[in-house]
PDB file of N, CA and C in Angstrom:
ATOM      1  N   MET A   1       0.520 -34.499   0.498  1.00  0.00           N
ATOM      2  CA  MET A   1       0.996 -33.357   1.158  1.00  0.00           C
ATOM      3  C   MET A   1       2.329 -33.070   0.646  1.00  0.00           C
ATOM      4  N   PHE A   2       2.759 -31.797   0.618  1.00  0.00           N
ATOM      5  CA  PHE A   2       3.907 -31.230   0.290  1.00  0.00           C
ATOM      6  C   PHE A   2       4.907 -31.514   1.396  1.00  0.00           C
ATOM      7  N   THR A   3       6.118 -31.930   0.870  1.00  0.00           N
ATOM      8  CA  THR A   3       7.221 -32.113   1.919  1.00  0.00           C
ATOM      9  C   THR A   3       8.547 -31.447   1.315  1.00  0.00           C
ATOM     10  N   LEU A   4       9.379 -30.795   2.213  1.00  0.00           N
ATOM     11  CA  LEU A   4      10.580 -30.394   1.873  1.00  0.00           C
ATOM     12  C   LEU A   4      11.572 -31.332   1.739  1.00  0.00           C
ATOM     13  N   PRO A   5      12.499 -31.096   0.826  1.00  0.00           N
ATOM     14  CA  PRO A   5      13.665 -31.998   0.694  1.00  0.00           C
ATOM     15  C   PRO A   5      14.660 -32.040   1.920  1.00  0.00           C
ATOM     16  N   ALA A   6      15.196 -33.158   2.224  1.00  0.00           N
ATOM     17  CA  ALA A   6      16.103 -33.214   3.408  1.00  0.00           C
ATOM     18  C   ALA A   6      17.217 -32.279   3.312  1.00  0.00           C
ATOM     19  N   THR A   7      17.599 -31.635   4.500  1.00  0.00           N
ATOM     20  CA  THR A   7      18.608 -30.645   4.407  1.00  0.00           C
ATOM     21  C   THR A   7      19.481 -31.086   5.559  1.00  0.00           C
ATOM     22  N   SER A   8      20.663 -30.439   5.629  1.00  0.00           N
ATOM     23  CA  SER A   8      21.545 -30.662   6.710  1.00  0.00           C
ATOM     24  C   SER A   8      21.316 -29.599   7.850  1.00  0.00           C
ATOM     25  N   LEU A   9      20.490 -28.771   7.721  1.00  0.00           N
ATOM     26  CA  LEU A   9      20.107 -27.849   8.730  1.00  0.00           C
ATOM     27  C   LEU A   9      19.224 -28.552   9.754  1.00  0.00           C
ATOM     28  N   PRO A  10      19.298 -27.953  10.984  1.00  0.00           N
ATOM     29  CA  PRO A  10      18.356 -28.397  11.882  1.00  0.00           C
ATOM     30  C   PRO A  10      16.892 -27.925  11.612  1.00  0.00           C
ATOM     31  N   ALA A  11      15.865 -28.778  11.944  1.00  0.00           N
ATOM     32  CA  ALA A  11      14.451 -28.424  11.613  1.00  0.00           C
ATOM     33  C   ALA A  11      14.088 -26.995  11.994  1.00  0.00           C
ATOM     34  N   THR A  12      14.587 -26.509  13.027  1.00  0.00           N
ATOM     35  CA  THR A  12      14.124 -25.193  13.463  1.00  0.00           C
ATOM     36  C   THR A  12      14.907 -24.125  12.734  1.00  0.00           C
ATOM     37  N   THR A  13      15.971 -24.374  12.061  1.00  0.00           N
ATOM     38  CA  THR A  13      16.898 -23.357  11.497  1.00  0.00           C
ATOM     39  C   THR A  13      16.335 -22.806  10.316  1.00  0.00           C
ATOM     40  N   LEU A  14      15.773 -23.477   9.383  1.00  0.00           N
ATOM     41  CA  LEU A  14      15.214 -23.157   8.005  1.00  0.00           C
ATOM     42  C   LEU A  14      14.034 -22.250   8.261  1.00  0.00           C
ATOM     43  N   PRO A  15      13.073 -22.548   9.034  1.00  0.00           N
ATOM     44  CA  PRO A  15      11.931 -21.686   9.413  1.00  0.00           C
ATOM     45  C   PRO A  15      12.420 -20.376  10.165  1.00  0.00           C
ATOM     46  N   ALA A  16      13.300 -20.388  10.766  1.00  0.00           N
ATOM     47  CA  ALA A  16      13.925 -19.137  11.453  1.00  0.00           C
ATOM     48  C   ALA A  16      14.580 -18.298  10.325  1.00  0.00           C
ATOM     49  N   ILE A  17      15.312 -18.911   9.417  1.00  0.00           N
ATOM     50  CA  ILE A  17      15.958 -18.079   8.284  1.00  0.00           C
ATOM     51  C   ILE A  17      14.785 -17.342   7.476  1.00  0.00           C
ATOM     52  N   VAL A  18      13.886 -18.134   7.160  1.00  0.00           N
ATOM     53  CA  VAL A  18      12.705 -17.793   6.284  1.00  0.00           C
ATOM     54  C   VAL A  18      12.020 -16.589   7.122  1.00  0.00           C
ATOM     55  N   ALA A  19      11.700 -16.831   8.497  1.00  0.00           N
ATOM     56  CA  ALA A  19      11.097 -15.803   9.218  1.00  0.00           C
ATOM     57  C   ALA A  19      11.952 -14.493   9.376  1.00  0.00           C
ATOM     58  N   THR A  20      13.190 -14.545   9.158  1.00  0.00           N
ATOM     59  CA  THR A  20      14.097 -13.338   9.230  1.00  0.00           C
ATOM     60  C   THR A  20      14.129 -12.694   7.931  1.00  0.00           C
ATOM     61  N   LEU A  21      14.366 -13.499   6.793  1.00  0.00           N
ATOM     62  CA  LEU A  21      14.456 -12.966   5.456  1.00  0.00           C
ATOM     63  C   LEU A  21      13.147 -12.380   4.977  1.00  0.00           C
ATOM     64  N   ALA A  22      12.041 -12.871   5.134  1.00  0.00           N
ATOM     65  CA  ALA A  22      10.739 -12.482   4.615  1.00  0.00           C
ATOM     66  C   ALA A  22      10.553 -10.886   4.949  1.00  0.00           C
ATOM     67  N   PRO A  23      10.640 -10.566   6.290  1.00  0.00           N
ATOM     68  CA  PRO A  23      10.382  -9.082   6.521  1.00  0.00           C
ATOM     69  C   PRO A  23      11.533  -8.272   5.996  1.00  0.00           C
ATOM     70  N   VAL A  24      12.776  -8.705   5.955  1.00  0.00           N
ATOM     71  CA  VAL A  24      13.819  -7.933   5.391  1.00  0.00           C
ATOM     72  C   VAL A  24      13.602  -7.698   3.869  1.00  0.00           C
ATOM     73  N   VAL A  25      13.299  -8.783   3.265  1.00  0.00           N
ATOM     74  CA  VAL A  25      12.945  -8.580   1.716  1.00  0.00           C
ATOM     75  C   VAL A  25      11.737  -7.608   1.629  1.00  0.00           C
ATOM     76  N   ASN A  26      10.740  -7.778   2.352  1.00  0.00           N
ATOM     77  CA  ASN A  26       9.540  -7.028   2.262  1.00  0.00           C
ATOM     78  C   ASN A  26       9.896  -5.585   2.564  1.00  0.00           C
ATOM     79  N   CYS A  27      10.835  -5.364   3.430  1.00  0.00           N
ATOM     80  CA  CYS A  27      11.365  -3.989   3.901  1.00  0.00           C
ATOM     81  C   CYS A  27      11.941  -3.145   2.693  1.00  0.00           C
ATOM     82  N   VAL A  28      12.802  -3.965   1.829  1.00  0.00           N
ATOM     83  CA  VAL A  28      13.700  -3.311   0.816  1.00  0.00           C
ATOM     84  C   VAL A  28      13.085  -3.421  -0.543  1.00  0.00           C
ATOM     85  N   GLN A  29      11.831  -4.021  -0.655  1.00  0.00           N
ATOM     86  CA  GLN A  29      11.323  -4.149  -2.006  1.00  0.00           C
ATOM     87  C   GLN A  29      10.907  -2.913  -2.727  1.00  0.00           C
ATOM     88  N   LEU A  30      10.695  -1.838  -1.975  1.00  0.00           N
ATOM     89  CA  LEU A  30      10.238  -0.605  -2.799  1.00  0.00           C
ATOM     90  C   LEU A  30      11.385   0.348  -2.777  1.00  0.00           C
ATOM     91  N   PHE A  31      12.559   0.106  -2.332  1.00  0.00           N
ATOM     92  CA  PHE A  31      13.669   1.176  -2.220  1.00  0.00           C
ATOM     93  C   PHE A  31      14.083   1.409  -3.673  1.00  0.00           C
ATOM     94  N   PRO A  32      14.220   0.549  -4.604  1.00  0.00           N
ATOM     95  CA  PRO A  32      14.584   0.830  -5.994  1.00  0.00           C
ATOM     96  C   PRO A  32      13.506   1.858  -6.611  1.00  0.00           C
ATOM     97  N   GLN A  33      12.288   1.492  -6.304  1.00  0.00           N
ATOM     98  CA  GLN A  33      11.213   2.442  -6.920  1.00  0.00           C
ATOM     99  C   GLN A  33      11.316   3.883  -6.298  1.00  0.00           C
ATOM    100  N   LEU A  34      11.468   3.931  -4.917  1.00  0.00           N
ATOM    101  CA  LEU A  34      11.545   5.223  -4.246  1.00  0.00           C
ATOM    102  C   LEU A  34      12.861   5.943  -4.888  1.00  0.00           C
ATOM    103  N   TYR A  35      13.932   5.302  -5.082  1.00  0.00           N
ATOM    104  CA  TYR A  35      15.132   6.042  -5.576  1.00  0.00           C
ATOM    105  C   TYR A  35      14.791   6.561  -6.933  1.00  0.00           C
ATOM    106  N   LYS A  36      14.228   5.649  -7.804  1.00  0.00           N
ATOM    107  CA  LYS A  36      13.904   6.227  -9.097  1.00  0.00           C
ATOM    108  C   LYS A  36      12.952   7.349  -9.141  1.00  0.00           C
ATOM    109  N   THR A  37      11.947   7.227  -8.391  1.00  0.00           N
ATOM    110  CA  THR A  37      10.963   8.259  -8.217  1.00  0.00           C
ATOM    111  C   THR A  37      11.772   9.676  -7.744  1.00  0.00           C
ATOM    112  N   LEU A  38      12.553   9.543  -6.773  1.00  0.00           N
ATOM    113  CA  LEU A  38      13.305  10.782  -6.320  1.00  0.00           C
ATOM    114  C   LEU A  38      14.151  11.355  -7.344  1.00  0.00           C
ATOM    115  N   THR A  39      14.837  10.340  -8.243  1.00  0.00           N
ATOM    116  CA  THR A  39      15.782  10.886  -9.100  1.00  0.00           C
ATOM    117  C   THR A  39      15.167  11.381 -10.365  1.00  0.00           C
ATOM    118  N   THR A  40      14.175  10.668 -10.837  1.00  0.00           N
ATOM    119  CA  THR A  40      13.445  11.171 -12.026  1.00  0.00           C
ATOM    120  C   THR A  40      12.351  12.174 -11.786  1.00  0.00           C
ATOM    121  N   ARG A  41      11.762  12.064 -10.836  1.00  0.00           N
ATOM    122  CA  ARG A  41      10.539  12.849 -10.541  1.00  0.00           C
ATOM    123  C   ARG A  41       9.411  12.576 -11.437  1.00  0.00           C
ATOM    124  N   LYS A  42       9.359  11.313 -11.902  1.00  0.00           N
ATOM    125  CA  LYS A  42       8.225  10.758 -12.833  1.00  0.00           C
ATOM    126  C   LYS A  42       7.622   9.772 -12.049  1.00  0.00           C
ATOM    127  N   VAL A  43       6.162   9.836 -11.977  1.00  0.00           N
ATOM    128  CA  VAL A  43       5.328   8.810 -11.406  1.00  0.00           C
ATOM    129  C   VAL A  43       4.294   8.230 -12.389  1.00  0.00           C
ATOM    130  N   ASP A  44       4.417   8.548 -13.596  1.00  0.00           N
ATOM    131  CA  ASP A  44       3.417   8.232 -14.581  1.00  0.00           C
ATOM    132  C   ASP A  44       3.196   6.713 -14.603  1.00  0.00           C
ATOM    133  N   ASP A  45       4.249   5.763 -14.334  1.00  0.00           N
ATOM    134  CA  ASP A  45       3.853   4.338 -14.342  1.00  0.00           C
ATOM    135  C   ASP A  45       3.518   3.757 -12.977  1.00  0.00           C
ATOM    136  N   LEU A  46       3.403   4.648 -11.936  1.00  0.00           N
ATOM    137  CA  LEU A  46       2.873   3.972 -10.610  1.00  0.00           C
ATOM    138  C   LEU A  46       1.421   4.028 -10.583  1.00  0.00           C
ATOM    139  N   SER A  47       0.937   3.142  -9.858  1.00  0.00           N
ATOM    140  CA  SER A  47      -0.366   3.062  -9.593  1.00  0.00           C
ATOM    141  C   SER A  47      -0.510   3.424  -8.190  1.00  0.00           C
ATOM    142  N   PHE A  48      -1.355   4.532  -7.901  1.00  0.00           N
ATOM    143  CA  PHE A  48      -1.596   4.958  -6.650  1.00  0.00           C
ATOM    144  C   PHE A  48      -2.497   3.971  -5.747  1.00  0.00           C
ATOM    145  N   TYR A  49      -3.359   3.346  -6.419  1.00  0.00           N
ATOM    146  CA  TYR A  49      -4.106   2.326  -5.659  1.00  0.00           C
ATOM    147  C   TYR A  49      -3.364   1.028  -5.207  1.00  0.00           C
ATOM    148  N   SER A  50      -2.236   0.624  -6.062  1.00  0.00           N
ATOM    149  CA  SER A  50      -1.488  -0.439  -5.603  1.00  0.00           C
ATOM    150  C   SER A  50      -0.660  -0.016  -4.386  1.00  0.00           C
ATOM    151  N   LEU A  51      -0.188   1.341  -4.463  1.00  0.00           N
ATOM    152  CA  LEU A  51       0.498   1.692  -3.266  1.00  0.00           C
ATOM    153  C   LEU A  51      -0.362   1.815  -1.983  1.00  0.00           C
ATOM    154  N   VAL A  52      -1.561   2.021  -2.197  1.00  0.00           N
ATOM    155  CA  VAL A  52      -2.574   2.033  -1.028  1.00  0.00           C
ATOM    156  C   VAL A  52      -2.613   0.633  -0.609  1.00  0.00           C
ATOM    157  N   LEU A  53      -2.920  -0.249  -1.554  1.00  0.00           N
ATOM    158  CA  LEU A  53      -3.037  -1.659  -1.175  1.00  0.00           C
ATOM    159  C   LEU A  53      -1.815  -2.115  -0.481  1.00  0.00           C
ATOM    160  N   LEU A  54      -0.543  -1.816  -0.882  1.00  0.00           N
ATOM    161  CA  LEU A  54       0.559  -2.358  -0.248  1.00  0.00           C
ATOM    162  C   LEU A  54       0.640  -1.673   1.029  1.00  0.00           C
ATOM    163  N   PHE A  55       0.345  -0.350   1.250  1.00  0.00           N
ATOM    164  CA  PHE A  55       0.390   0.293   2.624  1.00  0.00           C
ATOM    165  C   PHE A  55      -0.503  -0.549   3.606  1.00  0.00           C
ATOM    166  N   THR A  56      -1.764  -0.876   3.105  1.00  0.00           N
ATOM    167  CA  THR A  56      -2.556  -1.565   3.863  1.00  0.00           C
ATOM    168  C   THR A  56      -2.096  -2.981   4.349  1.00  0.00           C
ATOM    169  N   THR A  57      -1.530  -3.595   3.287  1.00  0.00           N
ATOM    170  CA  THR A  57      -0.902  -4.986   3.658  1.00  0.00           C
ATOM    171  C   THR A  57       0.079  -4.835   4.737  1.00  0.00           C
ATOM    172  N   ASN A  58       0.891  -3.786   4.594  1.00  0.00           N
ATOM    173  CA  ASN A  58       2.022  -3.605   5.584  1.00  0.00           C
ATOM    174  C   ASN A  58       1.420  -3.321   6.939  1.00  0.00           C
ATOM    175  N   LEU A  59       0.336  -2.484   7.020  1.00  0.00           N
ATOM    176  CA  LEU A  59      -0.283  -2.107   8.293  1.00  0.00           C
ATOM    177  C   LEU A  59      -0.693  -3.378   8.862  1.00  0.00           C
ATOM    178  N   LEU A  60      -1.475  -4.316   8.057  1.00  0.00           N
ATOM    179  CA  LEU A  60      -1.884  -5.521   8.621  1.00  0.00           C
ATOM    180  C   LEU A  60      -0.657  -6.591   9.190  1.00  0.00           C
ATOM    181  N   TRP A  61       0.410  -6.458   8.511  1.00  0.00           N
ATOM    182  CA  TRP A  61       1.490  -7.235   8.979  1.00  0.00           C
ATOM    183  C   TRP A  61       2.046  -6.584  10.461  1.00  0.00           C
ATOM    184  N   VAL A  62       2.032  -5.329  10.501  1.00  0.00           N
ATOM    185  CA  VAL A  62       2.515  -4.709  11.633  1.00  0.00           C
ATOM    186  C   VAL A  62       1.714  -5.106  12.810  1.00  0.00           C
ATOM    187  N   LEU A  63       0.297  -5.064  12.544  1.00  0.00           N
ATOM    188  CA  LEU A  63      -0.786  -5.499  13.590  1.00  0.00           C
ATOM    189  C   LEU A  63      -0.445  -6.873  13.948  1.00  0.00           C
ATOM    190  N   HIS A  64      -0.339  -7.620  12.985  1.00  0.00           N
ATOM    191  CA  HIS A  64      -0.173  -9.040  13.299  1.00  0.00           C
ATOM    192  C   HIS A  64       1.228  -9.345  14.126  1.00  0.00           C
ATOM    193  N   GLY A  65       2.190  -8.636  13.698  1.00  0.00           N
ATOM    194  CA  GLY A  65       3.536  -8.624  14.440  1.00  0.00           C
ATOM    195  C   GLY A  65       3.232  -8.403  16.015  1.00  0.00           C
ATOM    196  N   TYR A  66       2.447  -7.173  16.041  1.00  0.00           N
ATOM    197  CA  TYR A  66       2.025  -6.657  17.340  1.00  0.00           C
ATOM    198  C   TYR A  66       1.325  -7.772  18.329  1.00  0.00           C
ATOM    199  N   PHE A  67       0.401  -8.491  17.550  1.00  0.00           N
ATOM    200  CA  PHE A  67      -0.483  -9.371  18.219  1.00  0.00           C
ATOM    201  C   PHE A  67       0.328 -10.760  18.612  1.00  0.00           C
ATOM    202  N   ILE A  68       1.267 -11.036  17.855  1.00  0.00           N
ATOM    203  CA  ILE A  68       2.113 -12.170  18.115  1.00  0.00           C
ATOM    204  C   ILE A  68       3.468 -11.830  18.883  1.00  0.00           C
ATOM    205  N   ASN A  69       3.540 -10.603  19.044  1.00  0.00           N
ATOM    206  CA  ASN A  69       4.744 -10.035  19.727  1.00  0.00           C
ATOM    207  C   ASN A  69       6.006 -10.382  19.025  1.00  0.00           C
ATOM    208  N   ASP A  70       6.094 -10.177  17.869  1.00  0.00           N
ATOM    209  CA  ASP A  70       7.224 -10.280  16.917  1.00  0.00           C
ATOM    210  C   ASP A  70       7.770  -8.983  16.351  1.00  0.00           C
ATOM    211  N   LEU A  71       8.872  -8.599  17.099  1.00  0.00           N
ATOM    212  CA  LEU A  71       9.479  -7.322  16.866  1.00  0.00           C
ATOM    213  C   LEU A  71       9.884  -7.149  15.393  1.00  0.00           C
ATOM    214  N   SER A  72      10.519  -8.269  14.796  1.00  0.00           N
ATOM    215  CA  SER A  72      10.940  -8.232  13.279  1.00  0.00           C
ATOM    216  C   SER A  72       9.892  -7.804  12.374  1.00  0.00           C
ATOM    217  N   LEU A  73       8.655  -8.341  12.533  1.00  0.00           N
ATOM    218  CA  LEU A  73       7.542  -7.955  11.746  1.00  0.00           C
ATOM    219  C   LEU A  73       7.068  -6.537  11.955  1.00  0.00           C
ATOM    220  N   ILE A  74       7.091  -6.041  13.202  1.00  0.00           N
ATOM    221  CA  ILE A  74       6.800  -4.790  13.433  1.00  0.00           C
ATOM    222  C   ILE A  74       7.688  -3.691  12.813  1.00  0.00           C
ATOM    223  N   VAL A  75       9.028  -3.925  13.091  1.00  0.00           N
ATOM    224  CA  VAL A  75       9.922  -3.018  12.505  1.00  0.00           C
ATOM    225  C   VAL A  75       9.918  -3.141  10.948  1.00  0.00           C
ATOM    226  N   ALA A  76      10.003  -4.154  10.353  1.00  0.00           N
ATOM    227  CA  ALA A  76      10.018  -4.276   8.863  1.00  0.00           C
ATOM    228  C   ALA A  76       8.775  -3.677   8.354  1.00  0.00           C
ATOM    229  N   GLY A  77       7.653  -3.998   8.977  1.00  0.00           N
ATOM    230  CA  GLY A  77       6.374  -3.393   8.505  1.00  0.00           C
ATOM    231  C   GLY A  77       6.401  -1.801   8.599  1.00  0.00           C
ATOM    232  N   LEU A  78       6.956  -1.284   9.664  1.00  0.00           N
ATOM    233  CA  LEU A  78       6.942   0.114   9.906  1.00  0.00           C
ATOM    234  C   LEU A  78       7.707   0.782   8.820  1.00  0.00           C
ATOM    235  N   ILE A  79       9.061   0.168   8.516  1.00  0.00           N
ATOM    236  CA  ILE A  79       9.967   0.636   7.615  1.00  0.00           C
ATOM    237  C   ILE A  79       9.282   0.690   6.132  1.00  0.00           C
ATOM    238  N   SER A  80       8.643  -0.435   5.863  1.00  0.00           N
ATOM    239  CA  SER A  80       7.914  -0.575   4.603  1.00  0.00           C
ATOM    240  C   SER A  80       6.894   0.362   4.500  1.00  0.00           C
ATOM    241  N   MET A  81       6.131   0.579   5.556  1.00  0.00           N
ATOM    242  CA  MET A  81       5.111   1.653   5.502  1.00  0.00           C
ATOM    243  C   MET A  81       5.647   2.941   5.327  1.00  0.00           C
ATOM    244  N   ALA A  82       6.768   3.324   5.808  1.00  0.00           N
ATOM    245  CA  ALA A  82       7.413   4.670   5.748  1.00  0.00           C
ATOM    246  C   ALA A  82       7.847   4.849   4.183  1.00  0.00           C
ATOM    247  N   VAL A  83       8.421   3.775   3.720  1.00  0.00           N
ATOM    248  CA  VAL A  83       8.828   3.941   2.171  1.00  0.00           C
ATOM    249  C   VAL A  83       7.525   4.037   1.302  1.00  0.00           C
ATOM    250  N   ASN A  84       6.665   3.225   1.515  1.00  0.00           N
ATOM    251  CA  ASN A  84       5.325   3.360   0.854  1.00  0.00           C
ATOM    252  C   ASN A  84       4.634   4.635   1.027  1.00  0.00           C
ATOM    253  N   LEU A  85       4.645   5.116   2.092  1.00  0.00           N
ATOM    254  CA  LEU A  85       3.946   6.542   2.358  1.00  0.00           C
ATOM    255  C   LEU A  85       4.710   7.459   1.554  1.00  0.00           C
ATOM    256  N   SER A  86       6.122   7.382   1.623  1.00  0.00           N
ATOM    257  CA  SER A  86       6.876   8.366   0.890  1.00  0.00           C
ATOM    258  C   SER A  86       6.576   8.117  -0.533  1.00  0.00           C
ATOM    259  N   LEU A  87       6.329   7.138  -1.253  1.00  0.00           N
ATOM    260  CA  LEU A  87       6.066   7.019  -2.642  1.00  0.00           C
ATOM    261  C   LEU A  87       4.607   7.565  -2.868  1.00  0.00           C
ATOM    262  N   MET A  88       3.779   7.513  -1.970  1.00  0.00           N
ATOM    263  CA  MET A  88       2.385   8.108  -2.170  1.00  0.00           C
ATOM    264  C   MET A  88       2.494   9.532  -2.074  1.00  0.00           C
ATOM    265  N   VAL A  89       3.227  10.083  -1.179  1.00  0.00           N
ATOM    266  CA  VAL A  89       3.353  11.473  -1.161  1.00  0.00           C
ATOM    267  C   VAL A  89       4.023  12.067  -2.386  1.00  0.00           C
ATOM    268  N   LEU A  90       5.140  11.395  -2.883  1.00  0.00           N
ATOM    269  CA  LEU A  90       5.718  11.747  -4.092  1.00  0.00           C
ATOM    270  C   LEU A  90       4.635  11.593  -5.341  1.00  0.00           C
ATOM    271  N   TYR A  91       4.102  10.496  -5.318  1.00  0.00           N
ATOM    272  CA  TYR A  91       2.982  10.309  -6.272  1.00  0.00           C
ATOM    273  C   TYR A  91       2.163  11.648  -6.547  1.00  0.00           C
ATOM    274  N   LEU A  92       1.471  11.988  -5.298  1.00  0.00           N
ATOM    275  CA  LEU A  92       0.668  13.037  -5.291  1.00  0.00           C
ATOM    276  C   LEU A  92       1.283  14.467  -5.626  1.00  0.00           C
ATOM    277  N   ARG A  93       2.629  14.575  -5.195  1.00  0.00           N
ATOM    278  CA  ARG A  93       3.419  15.674  -5.549  1.00  0.00           C
ATOM    279  C   ARG A  93       3.691  15.834  -7.059  1.00  0.00           C
ATOM    280  N   TYR A  94       4.003  14.708  -7.739  1.00  0.00           N
ATOM    281  CA  TYR A  94       4.510  14.785  -9.154  1.00  0.00           C
ATOM    282  C   TYR A  94       3.564  14.430 -10.007  1.00  0.00           C
ATOM    283  N   THR A  95       2.389  13.944  -9.590  1.00  0.00           N
ATOM    284  CA  THR A  95       1.372  13.478 -10.686  1.00  0.00           C
ATOM    285  C   THR A  95       0.754  14.652 -11.461  1.00  0.00           C
ATOM    286  N   LYS A  96       0.576  14.291 -12.779  1.00  0.00           N
ATOM    287  CA  LYS A  96      -0.096  15.323 -13.552  1.00  0.00           C
ATOM    288  C   LYS A  96      -1.515  15.075 -13.952  1.00  0.00           C
ATOM    289  N   ARG A  97      -1.982  14.108 -13.283  1.00  0.00           N
ATOM    290  CA  ARG A  97      -3.424  13.571 -13.659  1.00  0.00           C
ATOM    291  C   ARG A  97      -4.160  13.347 -12.320  1.00  0.00           C
ATOM    292  N   THR A  98      -5.401  13.197 -12.392  1.00  0.00           N
ATOM    293  CA  THR A  98      -6.318  13.077 -11.207  1.00  0.00           C
ATOM    294  C   THR A  98      -6.226  11.540 -10.708  1.00  0.00           C
ATOM    295  N   LEU A  99      -6.567  11.286  -9.552  1.00  0.00           N
ATOM    296  CA  LEU A  99      -6.558   9.992  -9.112  1.00  0.00           C
ATOM    297  C   LEU A  99      -7.685   9.119  -9.528  1.00  0.00           C
ATOM    298  N   LEU A 100      -8.756   9.585  -9.794  1.00  0.00           N
ATOM    299  CA  LEU A 100     -10.056   8.994 -10.287  1.00  0.00           C
ATOM    300  C   LEU A 100     -10.042   8.805 -11.811  1.00  0.00           C
TER     301      LEU A 100
END
């Protein structure tokens, strides 16, 4: 079985840190891509289907956060969904090819 190395942090602190950081990182992961797409207006290297999958994943995290009553998951998921939806709209606006 996998065990973590001993740390000076209390046993509940490390999981709490990870539980806080994971939604935050998930929330900001697409900001650079959104910025680049807004400034260059180029979406040739974006995969629309990957964006749809990411949106679906974030929707599932929001639902999970709702079911376990975790506000940080819900808020981070909603922000991620908004960024992802923005990228999908920009993709449809700037694309020069068909989706299929």
